[in-house]
Amino acid sequence: MPDAAVFVDRDGTVIREAEYLSDPRDVVLLPGAAAGLRAFREAGFPVVIVTNQSGIARGYYTEADYHAVQAEVERRLAEAGVDVVGAYHCPHHPDFTGPCRCRKPAPGLFEDAAAEHHLDLSRSIFIGDRLRDIEPARALGGTPILVRTGYGGEEAGAAPADVRVVADLEAAARWVLEPGGR
């Protein structure tokens, strides 16, 4: 049977929101991020990072810059006891590269991760600081959670009734993992 996973947005959810982040030295884990992701891992959930990176299409940074930042994110998470099974990114923006199947809220990156890692999207958790990060949960049958970190505080008021809104990744893990949580 495929595993349920935790799909998590990166910027504003796992790390501090920094517009068009291109320097690994600027990576800062958000409070509660490592603890929350570690709790999910300890409960048996694979953790997958799924992120839009339109700065590549805009020419603000390169694929190599993205990979350097992502490596630093994963290094810091590993230091905190969190292993990430995969990281998927969309380098596109419709104004610069046209439409694609991978830019959230499109489901392409989630479907790719599910195929590669044998994951059950309908049983998975989708966490982000923007509604577009978690919208795929509704189409794919998963559980959407909006965190108030990053842009989440601004978007919480527009969250549909079926979206759980929590303070951060640690609060998300508590809600999912407590008996009767979801």
Foldseek 3Di string as FASTA:
>chain_A
DAAAAEEEEPDQAQFDHDPQDQDLVRTHGDPLNLVLQQLCVVVPHAYEYEYERCCCLVVVYHPVSVVSNVVSSQVVSVVSVHHHPYYYYHNHDCVRPNDDQRPFVRCVVVVVVCVVRVHQLLDYEFEYQAPSSFVVCVVRNYQYEHAVTDNNVVCVVVDDPRYHYYHGSNRVSCLVPDVVSD
